[in-house]
């Protein structure tokens, strides 16, 4: 049975979250009560920065300013 595009997108997002929920060594050392939720939050912030770097540049400390970005 074939999946709809929506089902495929949901499945892809679940796989992305599950992959990110595998803790990095430093995250494992610090511990996480809910790696899946942590992964969702990390990926959401990453998506926001990727989709609109100009708007999020001041909001997130890991986002560079326009003059710091490579040309």
N, C-alpha and C. Protein backbone atom coordinates (compact mmCIF):
# COMPACT_ATOMS: atom_id res chain seq x y z
N UNK A 1 0.85 -1.18 0.00
CA UNK A 1 0.00 0.00 0.00
C UNK A 1 0.89 1.24 0.00
N UNK A 2 0.53 2.20 -0.81
CA UNK A 2 1.31 3.43 -0.96
C UNK A 2 0.89 4.47 0.08
N UNK A 3 1.87 5.25 0.51
CA UNK A 3 1.58 6.31 1.47
C UNK A 3 1.22 7.59 0.75
N UNK A 4 0.40 8.39 1.40
CA UNK A 4 0.11 9.72 0.87
C UNK A 4 1.34 10.60 1.14
N UNK A 5 1.45 11.72 0.44
CA UNK A 5 2.57 12.63 0.73
C UNK A 5 2.60 13.09 2.19
N UNK A 6 1.43 13.29 2.76
CA UNK A 6 1.35 13.72 4.15
C UNK A 6 1.89 12.64 5.09
N UNK A 7 1.51 11.39 4.82
CA UNK A 7 2.00 10.28 5.64
C UNK A 7 3.51 10.13 5.50
N UNK A 8 4.00 10.30 4.30
CA UNK A 8 5.45 10.23 4.06
C UNK A 8 6.18 11.32 4.82
N UNK A 9 5.61 12.52 4.82
CA UNK A 9 6.23 13.65 5.52
C UNK A 9 6.25 13.40 7.03
N UNK A 10 5.16 12.87 7.56
CA UNK A 10 5.08 12.57 8.99
C UNK A 10 6.11 11.50 9.35
N UNK A 11 6.19 10.48 8.53
CA UNK A 11 7.15 9.41 8.78
C UNK A 11 8.59 9.92 8.72
N UNK A 12 8.87 10.79 7.75
CA UNK A 12 10.22 11.35 7.62
C UNK A 12 10.56 12.20 8.84
N UNK A 13 9.61 12.98 9.33
CA UNK A 13 9.86 13.82 10.50
C UNK A 13 10.07 12.97 11.74
N UNK A 14 9.30 11.90 11.88
CA UNK A 14 9.50 10.99 13.02
C UNK A 14 10.89 10.35 12.99
N UNK A 15 11.32 9.96 11.80
CA UNK A 15 12.65 9.38 11.65
C UNK A 15 13.73 10.40 11.98
N UNK A 16 13.53 11.63 11.56
CA UNK A 16 14.48 12.71 11.85
C UNK A 16 14.58 12.95 13.35
N UNK A 17 13.45 12.98 14.03
CA UNK A 17 13.44 13.18 15.48
C UNK A 17 14.10 11.99 16.18
N UNK A 18 13.76 10.79 15.76
CA UNK A 18 14.34 9.60 16.38
C UNK A 18 15.86 9.58 16.21
N UNK A 19 16.32 9.99 15.05
CA UNK A 19 17.76 10.04 14.81
C UNK A 19 18.44 11.06 15.73
N UNK A 20 17.82 12.24 15.87
CA UNK A 20 18.41 13.28 16.72
C UNK A 20 18.28 12.94 18.19
N UNK A 21 17.32 12.10 18.53
CA UNK A 21 17.12 11.72 19.94
C UNK A 21 18.23 10.82 20.45
N UNK A 22 19.03 10.26 19.54
CA UNK A 22 20.20 9.51 19.96
C UNK A 22 21.20 10.53 20.50
N UNK A 23 21.38 10.53 21.80
CA UNK A 23 22.15 11.58 22.45
C UNK A 23 23.62 11.57 22.04
N UNK A 24 24.15 12.80 21.89
CA UNK A 24 25.58 12.97 21.68
C UNK A 24 26.28 12.63 22.99
N UNK A 25 27.57 12.29 22.95
CA UNK A 25 28.26 11.91 24.20
C UNK A 25 28.11 12.95 25.32
N UNK A 26 28.23 14.23 24.97
CA UNK A 26 28.12 15.25 26.02
C UNK A 26 26.69 15.37 26.53
N UNK A 27 25.70 15.09 25.68
CA UNK A 27 24.31 15.10 26.13
C UNK A 27 24.04 13.90 27.03
N UNK A 28 24.59 12.76 26.67
CA UNK A 28 24.42 11.56 27.49
C UNK A 28 25.05 11.76 28.86
N UNK A 29 26.20 12.42 28.89
CA UNK A 29 26.88 12.67 30.17
C UNK A 29 26.04 13.58 31.05
N UNK A 30 25.39 14.57 30.43
CA UNK A 30 24.55 15.50 31.20
C UNK A 30 23.21 14.86 31.55
N UNK A 31 22.78 13.91 30.73
CA UNK A 31 21.50 13.24 30.96
C UNK A 31 20.35 13.97 30.30
N UNK A 32 19.31 13.24 30.02
CA UNK A 32 18.10 13.81 29.42
C UNK A 32 16.91 12.98 29.89
N UNK A 33 15.92 13.65 30.45
CA UNK A 33 14.72 12.96 30.91
C UNK A 33 13.84 12.53 29.74
N UNK A 34 13.94 13.27 28.64
CA UNK A 34 13.07 12.98 27.49
C UNK A 34 13.83 13.32 26.20
N UNK A 35 14.68 12.41 25.73
CA UNK A 35 15.47 12.68 24.52
C UNK A 35 14.63 13.00 23.29
N UNK A 36 13.45 12.39 23.16
CA UNK A 36 12.59 12.67 22.01
C UNK A 36 12.11 14.12 22.03
N UNK A 37 11.65 14.58 23.18
CA UNK A 37 11.19 15.97 23.30
C UNK A 37 12.36 16.93 23.08
N UNK A 38 13.50 16.61 23.66
CA UNK A 38 14.69 17.43 23.48
C UNK A 38 15.03 17.52 21.99
N UNK A 39 14.96 16.41 21.29
CA UNK A 39 15.26 16.39 19.85
C UNK A 39 14.27 17.26 19.08
N UNK A 40 12.99 17.17 19.42
CA UNK A 40 11.98 18.00 18.75
C UNK A 40 12.29 19.48 18.91
N UNK A 41 12.64 19.89 20.14
CA UNK A 41 12.94 21.29 20.41
C UNK A 41 14.20 21.75 19.65
N UNK A 42 15.23 20.94 19.67
CA UNK A 42 16.47 21.27 18.97
C UNK A 42 16.21 21.42 17.48
N UNK A 43 15.49 20.48 16.90
CA UNK A 43 15.22 20.53 15.47
C UNK A 43 14.31 21.70 15.10
N UNK A 44 13.35 22.01 15.94
CA UNK A 44 12.47 23.16 15.68
C UNK A 44 13.28 24.45 15.65
N UNK A 45 14.15 24.65 16.64
CA UNK A 45 14.99 25.85 16.66
C UNK A 45 15.92 25.90 15.46
N UNK A 46 16.48 24.76 15.10
CA UNK A 46 17.35 24.68 13.94
C UNK A 46 16.60 25.06 12.66
N UNK A 47 15.39 24.54 12.51
CA UNK A 47 14.58 24.86 11.34
C UNK A 47 14.28 26.36 11.27
N UNK A 48 13.95 26.95 12.42
CA UNK A 48 13.66 28.39 12.46
C UNK A 48 14.87 29.19 12.00
N UNK A 49 16.04 28.82 12.50
CA UNK A 49 17.27 29.54 12.12
C UNK A 49 17.59 29.35 10.64
N UNK A 50 17.34 28.16 10.12
CA UNK A 50 17.62 27.86 8.73
C UNK A 50 16.65 28.59 7.80
N UNK A 51 15.39 28.60 8.14
CA UNK A 51 14.37 29.20 7.28
C UNK A 51 14.41 30.73 7.29
N UNK A 52 14.82 31.33 8.39
CA UNK A 52 14.81 32.79 8.49
C UNK A 52 15.98 33.28 9.33
N UNK A 53 17.21 33.16 8.81
CA UNK A 53 18.38 33.54 9.61
C UNK A 53 18.43 35.02 9.99
N UNK A 54 17.90 35.88 9.13
CA UNK A 54 17.92 37.32 9.45
C UNK A 54 17.04 37.63 10.66
N UNK A 55 15.88 37.02 10.73
CA UNK A 55 14.95 37.29 11.82
C UNK A 55 15.37 36.63 13.12
N UNK A 56 16.06 35.50 13.04
CA UNK A 56 16.42 34.77 14.25
C UNK A 56 17.83 35.06 14.73
N UNK A 57 18.59 35.84 13.99
CA UNK A 57 19.98 36.10 14.32
C UNK A 57 20.19 36.68 15.71
N UNK A 58 19.30 37.53 16.15
CA UNK A 58 19.43 38.13 17.48
C UNK A 58 18.87 37.24 18.57
N UNK A 59 17.98 36.34 18.18
CA UNK A 59 17.27 35.51 19.16
C UNK A 59 18.10 34.32 19.65
N UNK A 60 18.90 33.73 18.76
CA UNK A 60 19.65 32.53 19.10
C UNK A 60 21.14 32.82 19.11
N UNK A 61 21.81 32.39 20.17
CA UNK A 61 23.23 32.67 20.30
C UNK A 61 24.08 31.89 19.32
N UNK A 62 23.57 30.81 18.74
CA UNK A 62 24.34 30.02 17.79
C UNK A 62 24.18 30.50 16.35
N UNK A 63 23.42 31.55 16.15
CA UNK A 63 23.22 32.09 14.81
C UNK A 63 24.18 33.26 14.63
N UNK A 64 24.90 33.25 13.54
CA UNK A 64 25.84 34.33 13.27
C UNK A 64 25.10 35.57 12.78
N UNK A 65 25.76 36.71 12.91
CA UNK A 65 25.20 37.95 12.38
C UNK A 65 25.56 38.01 10.89
N UNK A 66 24.87 38.84 10.13
CA UNK A 66 25.14 38.91 8.70
C UNK A 66 26.61 39.19 8.35
N UNK A 67 27.27 40.03 9.12
CA UNK A 67 28.67 40.33 8.82
C UNK A 67 29.63 39.21 9.19
N UNK A 68 29.16 38.22 9.95
CA UNK A 68 29.99 37.08 10.33
C UNK A 68 29.85 35.91 9.37
N UNK A 69 28.87 35.98 8.48
CA UNK A 69 28.60 34.87 7.56
C UNK A 69 29.51 34.94 6.34
N UNK A 70 29.90 33.79 5.83
CA UNK A 70 30.71 33.79 4.59
C UNK A 70 29.91 34.36 3.43
N UNK A 71 30.59 34.99 2.53
CA UNK A 71 29.93 35.60 1.37
C UNK A 71 29.51 34.56 0.35
